[in-house]
Amino acid sequence: MNGLSLVQACLALCFYKAISQELIDKVFCVNFIQCVENEIQMCYSKATYPERVLKLVMQLTRSVCLDYSECNVPWFQQNFIEAHMFKKPFHESAFSRDVRKFLRTLLQDDSYFRCNHVTPYGYQIAFVIHFDRDKKAIKAPMETTMLQRITK
């Protein structure tokens, strides 16, 4: 099987909570990652194939990290997510503008909510509000990118 097919099969198994520890260990090892990198270098369609493979590897890594945390697969996709989000244009809908305006009126300060938040595992959330134990809105923590974390 080529790397793309194997990653797709593993992702499907993850969705059904049916991937084995043995298969996870074989996919998340240096040899397999090198094979995928070689496959990307030798691919026929440099315009689409590498992005497709890398996106599926990111999805597989996210699924294994979240659903099979006991396997201790490290999250190594942050740079890919940040680069992918940077390329993706943001288009705010009229509904989003209305929600943002409502939140601004309700909370009386933009620092109490965040729009278009991207979680560390690459999920996009339209609006995030943080609350304390008494269920009162608190200021959102400052966001840092991987580069900012490394340079601190």
N, C-alpha and C. Protein backbone atom coordinates (compact mmCIF):
# COMPACT_ATOMS: atom_id res chain seq x y z
N MET A 1 0.84 -1.19 0.00
CA MET A 1 0.00 0.00 0.00
C MET A 1 0.88 1.24 0.00
N ASN A 2 0.42 2.25 -0.71
CA ASN A 2 1.17 3.50 -0.65
C ASN A 2 0.82 4.22 0.66
N GLY A 3 1.59 5.23 0.98
CA GLY A 3 1.42 5.94 2.24
C GLY A 3 0.05 6.58 2.39
N LEU A 4 -0.45 7.20 1.31
CA LEU A 4 -1.75 7.85 1.35
C LEU A 4 -2.85 6.83 1.68
N SER A 5 -2.83 5.69 1.02
CA SER A 5 -3.85 4.67 1.26
C SER A 5 -3.78 4.15 2.69
N LEU A 6 -2.58 3.95 3.19
CA LEU A 6 -2.42 3.45 4.55
C LEU A 6 -2.92 4.48 5.57
N VAL A 7 -2.61 5.75 5.34
CA VAL A 7 -3.08 6.81 6.25
C VAL A 7 -4.61 6.89 6.20
N GLN A 8 -5.20 6.79 4.99
CA GLN A 8 -6.65 6.82 4.87
C GLN A 8 -7.29 5.63 5.60
N ALA A 9 -6.70 4.46 5.46
CA ALA A 9 -7.24 3.28 6.14
C ALA A 9 -7.14 3.43 7.65
N CYS A 10 -6.02 3.94 8.14
CA CYS A 10 -5.86 4.15 9.58
C CYS A 10 -6.84 5.18 10.11
N LEU A 11 -7.07 6.22 9.35
CA LEU A 11 -8.02 7.24 9.76
C LEU A 11 -9.43 6.66 9.83
N ALA A 12 -9.79 5.84 8.87
CA ALA A 12 -11.11 5.19 8.90
C ALA A 12 -11.23 4.29 10.12
N LEU A 13 -10.18 3.53 10.43
CA LEU A 13 -10.19 2.68 11.62
C LEU A 13 -10.32 3.51 12.89
N CYS A 14 -9.67 4.67 12.93
CA CYS A 14 -9.78 5.57 14.10
C CYS A 14 -11.21 6.04 14.27
N PHE A 15 -11.86 6.39 13.17
CA PHE A 15 -13.24 6.86 13.25
C PHE A 15 -14.17 5.80 13.84
N TYR A 16 -13.85 4.53 13.62
CA TYR A 16 -14.64 3.44 14.16
C TYR A 16 -14.06 2.86 15.45
N LYS A 17 -13.06 3.57 16.00
CA LYS A 17 -12.41 3.15 17.26
C LYS A 17 -11.92 1.70 17.16
N ALA A 18 -11.31 1.40 16.02
CA ALA A 18 -10.91 0.03 15.76
C ALA A 18 -9.45 -0.12 15.36
N ILE A 19 -8.64 0.90 15.53
CA ILE A 19 -7.23 0.79 15.16
C ILE A 19 -6.46 0.15 16.32
N SER A 20 -5.53 -0.69 15.98
CA SER A 20 -4.77 -1.40 17.02
C SER A 20 -3.52 -0.62 17.43
N GLN A 21 -3.04 -0.91 18.62
CA GLN A 21 -1.80 -0.30 19.11
C GLN A 21 -0.65 -0.63 18.18
N GLU A 22 -0.63 -1.86 17.68
CA GLU A 22 0.44 -2.30 16.78
C GLU A 22 0.46 -1.46 15.49
N LEU A 23 -0.71 -1.20 14.93
CA LEU A 23 -0.78 -0.39 13.71
C LEU A 23 -0.39 1.06 13.99
N ILE A 24 -0.82 1.59 15.12
CA ILE A 24 -0.42 2.94 15.51
C ILE A 24 1.09 3.04 15.61
N ASP A 25 1.70 2.04 16.26
CA ASP A 25 3.16 2.04 16.40
C ASP A 25 3.86 1.97 15.04
N LYS A 26 3.29 1.24 14.09
CA LYS A 26 3.91 1.13 12.77
C LYS A 26 3.77 2.40 11.95
N VAL A 27 2.66 3.11 12.14
CA VAL A 27 2.44 4.34 11.37
C VAL A 27 3.21 5.51 11.97
N PHE A 28 3.28 5.58 13.29
CA PHE A 28 3.96 6.70 13.93
C PHE A 28 5.38 6.31 14.35
N CYS A 29 6.14 5.92 13.34
CA CYS A 29 7.56 5.63 13.57
C CYS A 29 8.35 6.36 12.48
N VAL A 30 9.61 6.50 12.70
CA VAL A 30 10.48 7.24 11.79
C VAL A 30 10.47 6.62 10.39
N ASN A 31 10.51 5.30 10.30
CA ASN A 31 10.55 4.64 8.99
C ASN A 31 9.33 4.98 8.14
N PHE A 32 8.14 4.91 8.73
CA PHE A 32 6.93 5.20 7.97
C PHE A 32 6.89 6.66 7.55
N ILE A 33 7.23 7.56 8.47
CA ILE A 33 7.23 8.99 8.14
C ILE A 33 8.21 9.28 7.00
N GLN A 34 9.37 8.62 7.01
CA GLN A 34 10.34 8.78 5.91
C GLN A 34 9.78 8.25 4.60
N CYS A 35 9.06 7.13 4.67
CA CYS A 35 8.44 6.59 3.45
C CYS A 35 7.41 7.57 2.88
N VAL A 36 6.61 8.17 3.74
CA VAL A 36 5.62 9.15 3.29
C VAL A 36 6.32 10.37 2.70
N GLU A 37 7.39 10.84 3.34
CA GLU A 37 8.13 11.98 2.81
C GLU A 37 8.73 11.66 1.44
N ASN A 38 9.27 10.45 1.29
CA ASN A 38 9.82 10.02 0.00
C ASN A 38 8.72 9.96 -1.06
N GLU A 39 7.56 9.45 -0.67
CA GLU A 39 6.43 9.36 -1.59
C GLU A 39 6.00 10.75 -2.05
N ILE A 40 6.01 11.70 -1.14
CA ILE A 40 5.65 13.08 -1.49
C ILE A 40 6.68 13.66 -2.46
N GLN A 41 7.96 13.38 -2.22
CA GLN A 41 9.02 13.89 -3.10
C GLN A 41 8.91 13.32 -4.51
N MET A 42 8.46 12.07 -4.63
CA MET A 42 8.41 11.39 -5.91
C MET A 42 7.02 11.44 -6.57
N CYS A 43 6.09 12.14 -5.98
CA CYS A 43 4.70 12.10 -6.46
C CYS A 43 4.56 12.74 -7.84
N TYR A 44 3.48 12.39 -8.51
CA TYR A 44 3.21 12.87 -9.86
C TYR A 44 2.54 14.24 -9.87
N SER A 45 1.86 14.60 -8.80
CA SER A 45 1.12 15.86 -8.77
C SER A 45 1.57 16.71 -7.58
N LYS A 46 2.62 17.47 -7.80
CA LYS A 46 3.16 18.31 -6.73
C LYS A 46 2.18 19.40 -6.29
N ALA A 47 1.21 19.72 -7.12
CA ALA A 47 0.26 20.80 -6.80
C ALA A 47 -0.75 20.38 -5.73
N THR A 48 -1.15 19.11 -5.73
CA THR A 48 -2.22 18.71 -4.81
C THR A 48 -1.86 17.56 -3.87
N TYR A 49 -1.06 16.63 -4.34
CA TYR A 49 -0.80 15.41 -3.56
C TYR A 49 -0.13 15.68 -2.21
N PRO A 50 0.93 16.47 -2.14
CA PRO A 50 1.57 16.67 -0.83
C PRO A 50 0.61 17.26 0.21
N GLU A 51 -0.18 18.26 -0.18
CA GLU A 51 -1.13 18.88 0.75
C GLU A 51 -2.17 17.87 1.21
N ARG A 52 -2.63 17.05 0.29
CA ARG A 52 -3.62 16.02 0.61
C ARG A 52 -3.07 15.01 1.63
N VAL A 53 -1.87 14.54 1.40
CA VAL A 53 -1.25 13.59 2.31
C VAL A 53 -1.01 14.22 3.68
N LEU A 54 -0.45 15.43 3.68
CA LEU A 54 -0.14 16.09 4.94
C LEU A 54 -1.40 16.39 5.76
N LYS A 55 -2.47 16.76 5.07
CA LYS A 55 -3.73 17.03 5.77
C LYS A 55 -4.28 15.74 6.40
N LEU A 56 -4.20 14.65 5.67
CA LEU A 56 -4.67 13.37 6.22
C LEU A 56 -3.79 12.90 7.38
N VAL A 57 -2.49 13.10 7.28
CA VAL A 57 -1.59 12.74 8.38
C VAL A 57 -1.92 13.59 9.61
N MET A 58 -2.22 14.88 9.39
CA MET A 58 -2.61 15.74 10.51
C MET A 58 -3.89 15.23 11.15
N GLN A 59 -4.88 14.86 10.34
CA GLN A 59 -6.15 14.36 10.87
C GLN A 59 -5.94 13.05 11.63
N LEU A 60 -5.10 12.18 11.10
CA LEU A 60 -4.80 10.91 11.78
C LEU A 60 -4.09 11.17 13.10
N THR A 61 -3.12 12.05 13.08
CA THR A 61 -2.39 12.37 14.31
C THR A 61 -3.33 12.94 15.35
N ARG A 62 -4.19 13.86 14.95
CA ARG A 62 -5.16 14.45 15.87
C ARG A 62 -6.08 13.38 16.45
N SER A 63 -6.57 12.50 15.60
CA SER A 63 -7.47 11.44 16.06
C SER A 63 -6.78 10.51 17.05
N VAL A 64 -5.56 10.13 16.75
CA VAL A 64 -4.82 9.24 17.65
C VAL A 64 -4.48 9.95 18.96
N CYS A 65 -4.06 11.20 18.87
CA CYS A 65 -3.72 11.96 20.09
C CYS A 65 -4.93 12.11 21.01
N LEU A 66 -6.09 12.36 20.44
CA LEU A 66 -7.28 12.60 21.25
C LEU A 66 -7.99 11.31 21.67
N ASP A 67 -8.09 10.35 20.76
CA ASP A 67 -8.86 9.14 21.05
C ASP A 67 -8.03 7.98 21.58
N TYR A 68 -6.74 8.03 21.37
CA TYR A 68 -5.85 6.97 21.84
C TYR A 68 -4.67 7.58 22.59
N SER A 69 -4.97 8.41 23.56
CA SER A 69 -3.92 9.13 24.29
C SER A 69 -2.96 8.18 25.00
N GLU A 70 -3.42 6.98 25.32
CA GLU A 70 -2.55 6.01 25.98
C GLU A 70 -1.40 5.55 25.09
N CYS A 71 -1.49 5.80 23.79
CA CYS A 71 -0.42 5.42 22.87
C CYS A 71 0.75 6.41 22.89
N ASN A 72 0.54 7.56 23.52
CA ASN A 72 1.59 8.58 23.67
C ASN A 72 2.19 9.05 22.35
N VAL A 73 1.34 9.21 21.35
CA VAL A 73 1.80 9.78 20.08
C VAL A 73 1.88 11.28 20.29
N PRO A 74 3.02 11.89 20.04
CA PRO A 74 3.15 13.34 20.27
C PRO A 74 2.41 14.14 19.20
N TRP A 75 1.93 15.31 19.59
CA TRP A 75 1.29 16.22 18.65
C TRP A 75 2.39 17.02 17.97
N PHE A 76 2.62 16.77 16.69
CA PHE A 76 3.70 17.43 15.96
C PHE A 76 3.19 18.19 14.75
N GLN A 77 1.90 18.52 14.76
CA GLN A 77 1.28 19.13 13.58
C GLN A 77 1.03 20.63 13.72
N GLN A 78 1.47 21.26 14.80
CA GLN A 78 1.14 22.66 15.04
C GLN A 78 1.61 23.58 13.92
N ASN A 79 2.80 23.38 13.42
CA ASN A 79 3.31 24.22 12.33
C ASN A 79 2.46 24.07 11.07
N PHE A 80 2.03 22.84 10.78
CA PHE A 80 1.18 22.59 9.62
C PHE A 80 -0.15 23.33 9.78
N ILE A 81 -0.74 23.26 10.96
CA ILE A 81 -2.02 23.93 11.21
C ILE A 81 -1.88 25.43 11.07
N GLU A 82 -0.84 25.99 11.67
CA GLU A 82 -0.64 27.44 11.59
C GLU A 82 -0.43 27.88 10.14
N ALA A 83 0.33 27.13 9.37
CA ALA A 83 0.55 27.47 7.97
C ALA A 83 -0.75 27.33 7.17
N HIS A 84 -1.51 26.30 7.46
CA HIS A 84 -2.78 26.06 6.76
C HIS A 84 -3.78 27.17 7.07
N MET A 85 -3.86 27.61 8.31
CA MET A 85 -4.78 28.67 8.70
C MET A 85 -4.35 30.01 8.09
N PHE A 86 -3.05 30.20 7.95
CA PHE A 86 -2.54 31.44 7.37
C PHE A 86 -2.94 31.55 5.90
N LYS A 87 -2.96 30.44 5.20
CA LYS A 87 -3.31 30.42 3.78
C LYS A 87 -4.81 30.58 3.55
N LYS A 88 -5.60 30.17 4.54
CA LYS A 88 -7.05 30.15 4.39
C LYS A 88 -7.62 31.55 4.62
N PRO A 89 -8.29 32.12 3.61
CA PRO A 89 -8.85 33.46 3.79
C PRO A 89 -10.04 33.43 4.75
N PHE A 90 -10.21 34.51 5.50
CA PHE A 90 -11.31 34.60 6.44
C PHE A 90 -12.42 35.44 5.85
N HIS A 91 -13.62 34.89 5.85
CA HIS A 91 -14.79 35.61 5.37
C HIS A 91 -15.82 35.61 6.50
N GLU A 92 -16.10 36.80 7.02
CA GLU A 92 -17.07 36.90 8.10
C GLU A 92 -18.48 37.05 7.52
N SER A 93 -19.39 36.22 7.98
CA SER A 93 -20.77 36.28 7.50
C SER A 93 -21.53 37.37 8.25
N ALA A 94 -22.69 37.71 7.72
CA ALA A 94 -23.54 38.70 8.38
C ALA A 94 -23.98 38.17 9.75
N PHE A 95 -24.24 36.89 9.84
CA PHE A 95 -24.62 36.29 11.11
C PHE A 95 -23.50 36.43 12.14
N SER A 96 -22.26 36.15 11.72
CA SER A 96 -21.11 36.29 12.63
C SER A 96 -20.94 37.72 13.10
N ARG A 97 -21.12 38.67 12.19
CA ARG A 97 -21.04 40.08 12.59
C ARG A 97 -22.11 40.42 13.62
N ASP A 98 -23.32 39.89 13.42
CA ASP A 98 -24.41 40.14 14.38
C ASP A 98 -24.10 39.52 15.74
N VAL A 99 -23.56 38.30 15.75
CA VAL A 99 -23.21 37.64 17.01
C VAL A 99 -22.10 38.41 17.71
N ARG A 100 -21.08 38.83 16.95
CA ARG A 100 -19.98 39.59 17.55
C ARG A 100 -20.50 40.90 18.14
N LYS A 101 -21.39 41.58 17.43
CA LYS A 101 -21.97 42.83 17.93
C LYS A 101 -22.78 42.57 19.21
N PHE A 102 -23.55 41.48 19.23
CA PHE A 102 -24.33 41.13 20.41
C PHE A 102 -23.42 40.83 21.60
N LEU A 103 -22.36 40.05 21.37
CA LEU A 103 -21.42 39.74 22.45
C LEU A 103 -20.73 40.99 22.97
N ARG A 104 -20.37 41.87 22.08
CA ARG A 104 -19.74 43.13 22.47
C ARG A 104 -20.69 43.94 23.37
N THR A 105 -21.97 43.98 23.00
CA THR A 105 -22.97 44.69 23.80
C THR A 105 -23.20 44.01 25.14
N LEU A 106 -23.31 42.70 25.12
CA LEU A 106 -23.59 41.92 26.33
C LEU A 106 -22.42 41.96 27.31
N LEU A 107 -21.21 41.74 26.81
CA LEU A 107 -20.03 41.64 27.67
C LEU A 107 -19.33 42.98 27.87
N GLN A 108 -19.62 43.96 27.05
CA GLN A 108 -19.11 45.32 27.15
C GLN A 108 -17.60 45.46 27.00
N ASP A 109 -16.95 44.43 26.48
CA ASP A 109 -15.51 44.49 26.28
C ASP A 109 -15.10 43.36 25.34
N ASP A 110 -14.37 43.68 24.29
CA ASP A 110 -13.94 42.67 23.32
C ASP A 110 -12.98 41.64 23.92
N SER A 111 -12.34 41.98 25.02
CA SER A 111 -11.36 41.06 25.59
C SER A 111 -12.02 39.89 26.33
N TYR A 112 -13.34 39.89 26.45
CA TYR A 112 -14.04 38.80 27.12
C TYR A 112 -14.45 37.69 26.16
N PHE A 113 -14.24 37.88 24.89
CA PHE A 113 -14.55 36.82 23.94
C PHE A 113 -13.54 36.85 22.80
N ARG A 114 -13.46 35.75 22.13
CA ARG A 114 -12.53 35.61 21.01
C ARG A 114 -13.31 35.09 19.81
N CYS A 115 -13.04 35.65 18.67
CA CYS A 115 -13.69 35.22 17.43
C CYS A 115 -12.72 34.38 16.61
N ASN A 116 -13.25 33.41 15.91
CA ASN A 116 -12.47 32.58 14.98
C ASN A 116 -11.25 31.96 15.65
N HIS A 117 -11.47 31.35 16.77
CA HIS A 117 -10.41 30.72 17.54
C HIS A 117 -10.04 29.38 16.92
N VAL A 118 -8.76 29.10 16.86
CA VAL A 118 -8.27 27.80 16.39
C VAL A 118 -7.66 27.09 17.59
N THR A 119 -8.17 25.90 17.89
CA THR A 119 -7.67 25.15 19.04
C THR A 119 -6.30 24.57 18.72
N PRO A 120 -5.57 24.13 19.75
CA PRO A 120 -4.26 23.53 19.49
C PRO A 120 -4.29 22.33 18.54
N TYR A 121 -5.44 21.65 18.44
CA TYR A 121 -5.55 20.52 17.54
C TYR A 121 -6.17 20.88 16.19
N GLY A 122 -6.30 22.18 15.91
CA GLY A 122 -6.71 22.61 14.59
C GLY A 122 -8.19 22.76 14.35
N TYR A 123 -9.00 22.63 15.37
CA TYR A 123 -10.43 22.86 15.19
C TYR A 123 -10.70 24.36 15.24
N GLN A 124 -11.60 24.84 14.37
CA GLN A 124 -11.97 26.24 14.36
C GLN A 124 -13.28 26.41 15.13
N ILE A 125 -13.29 27.38 16.04
CA ILE A 125 -14.48 27.69 16.83
C ILE A 125 -14.83 29.15 16.56
N ALA A 126 -16.07 29.40 16.19
CA ALA A 126 -16.48 30.75 15.80
C ALA A 126 -16.34 31.75 16.93
N PHE A 127 -16.81 31.40 18.13
CA PHE A 127 -16.75 32.32 19.27
C PHE A 127 -16.39 31.54 20.53
N VAL A 128 -15.51 32.11 21.34
CA VAL A 128 -15.10 31.48 22.60
C VAL A 128 -15.25 32.51 23.70
N ILE A 129 -15.91 32.09 24.79
CA ILE A 129 -16.04 32.92 25.98
C ILE A 129 -15.55 32.09 27.15
N HIS A 130 -14.69 32.66 27.98
CA HIS A 130 -14.18 31.96 29.16
C HIS A 130 -14.96 32.42 30.39
N PHE A 131 -15.22 31.46 31.27
CA PHE A 131 -15.96 31.75 32.50
C PHE A 131 -15.15 31.30 33.71
N ASP A 132 -15.37 31.96 34.85
CA ASP A 132 -14.74 31.52 36.08
C ASP A 132 -15.65 30.50 36.76
N ARG A 133 -15.29 30.08 37.97
CA ARG A 133 -16.07 29.06 38.69
C ARG A 133 -17.48 29.55 39.04
N ASP A 134 -17.63 30.87 39.14
CA ASP A 134 -18.94 31.44 39.47
C ASP A 134 -19.76 31.73 38.21
N LYS A 135 -19.30 31.24 37.09
CA LYS A 135 -19.96 31.39 35.79
C LYS A 135 -20.05 32.84 35.33
N LYS A 136 -19.04 33.63 35.70
CA LYS A 136 -18.93 35.00 35.23
C LYS A 136 -17.86 35.03 34.14
N ALA A 137 -18.14 35.81 33.11
CA ALA A 137 -17.18 35.92 32.00
C ALA A 137 -15.89 36.54 32.50
N ILE A 138 -14.77 35.97 32.03
CA ILE A 138 -13.45 36.51 32.37
C ILE A 138 -12.73 36.83 31.06
N LYS A 139 -11.71 37.64 31.17
CA LYS A 139 -10.95 37.99 29.96
C LYS A 139 -10.29 36.75 29.37
N ALA A 140 -10.33 36.67 28.07
CA ALA A 140 -9.74 35.52 27.36
C ALA A 140 -8.23 35.56 27.52
N PRO A 141 -7.62 34.40 27.77
CA PRO A 141 -6.15 34.38 27.85
C PRO A 141 -5.53 34.76 26.51
N MET A 142 -4.34 35.29 26.58
CA MET A 142 -3.64 35.67 25.36
C MET A 142 -3.31 34.42 24.55
N GLU A 143 -3.47 34.51 23.24
CA GLU A 143 -3.13 33.40 22.36
C GLU A 143 -1.67 33.50 22.00
N THR A 144 -1.02 32.35 21.95
CA THR A 144 0.37 32.33 21.49
C THR A 144 0.50 31.29 20.39
N THR A 145 1.32 31.58 19.41
CA THR A 145 1.60 30.62 18.36
C THR A 145 2.77 29.76 18.81
N MET A 146 3.01 28.72 18.07
CA MET A 146 4.13 27.82 18.37
C MET A 146 5.44 28.60 18.35
N LEU A 147 5.61 29.50 17.40
CA LEU A 147 6.83 30.28 17.31
C LEU A 147 6.99 31.15 18.55
N GLN A 148 5.91 31.77 19.02
CA GLN A 148 5.98 32.59 20.23
C GLN A 148 6.34 31.74 21.44
N ARG A 149 5.81 30.51 21.52
CA ARG A 149 6.12 29.62 22.65
C ARG A 149 7.59 29.22 22.64
N ILE A 150 8.14 29.00 21.46
CA ILE A 150 9.54 28.57 21.36
C ILE A 150 10.47 29.71 21.75
N THR A 151 10.14 30.94 21.35
CA THR A 151 11.02 32.06 21.60
C THR A 151 10.92 32.62 23.02
N LYS A 152 9.96 32.15 23.79
CA LYS A 152 9.84 32.63 25.19
C LYS A 152 10.84 31.98 26.09
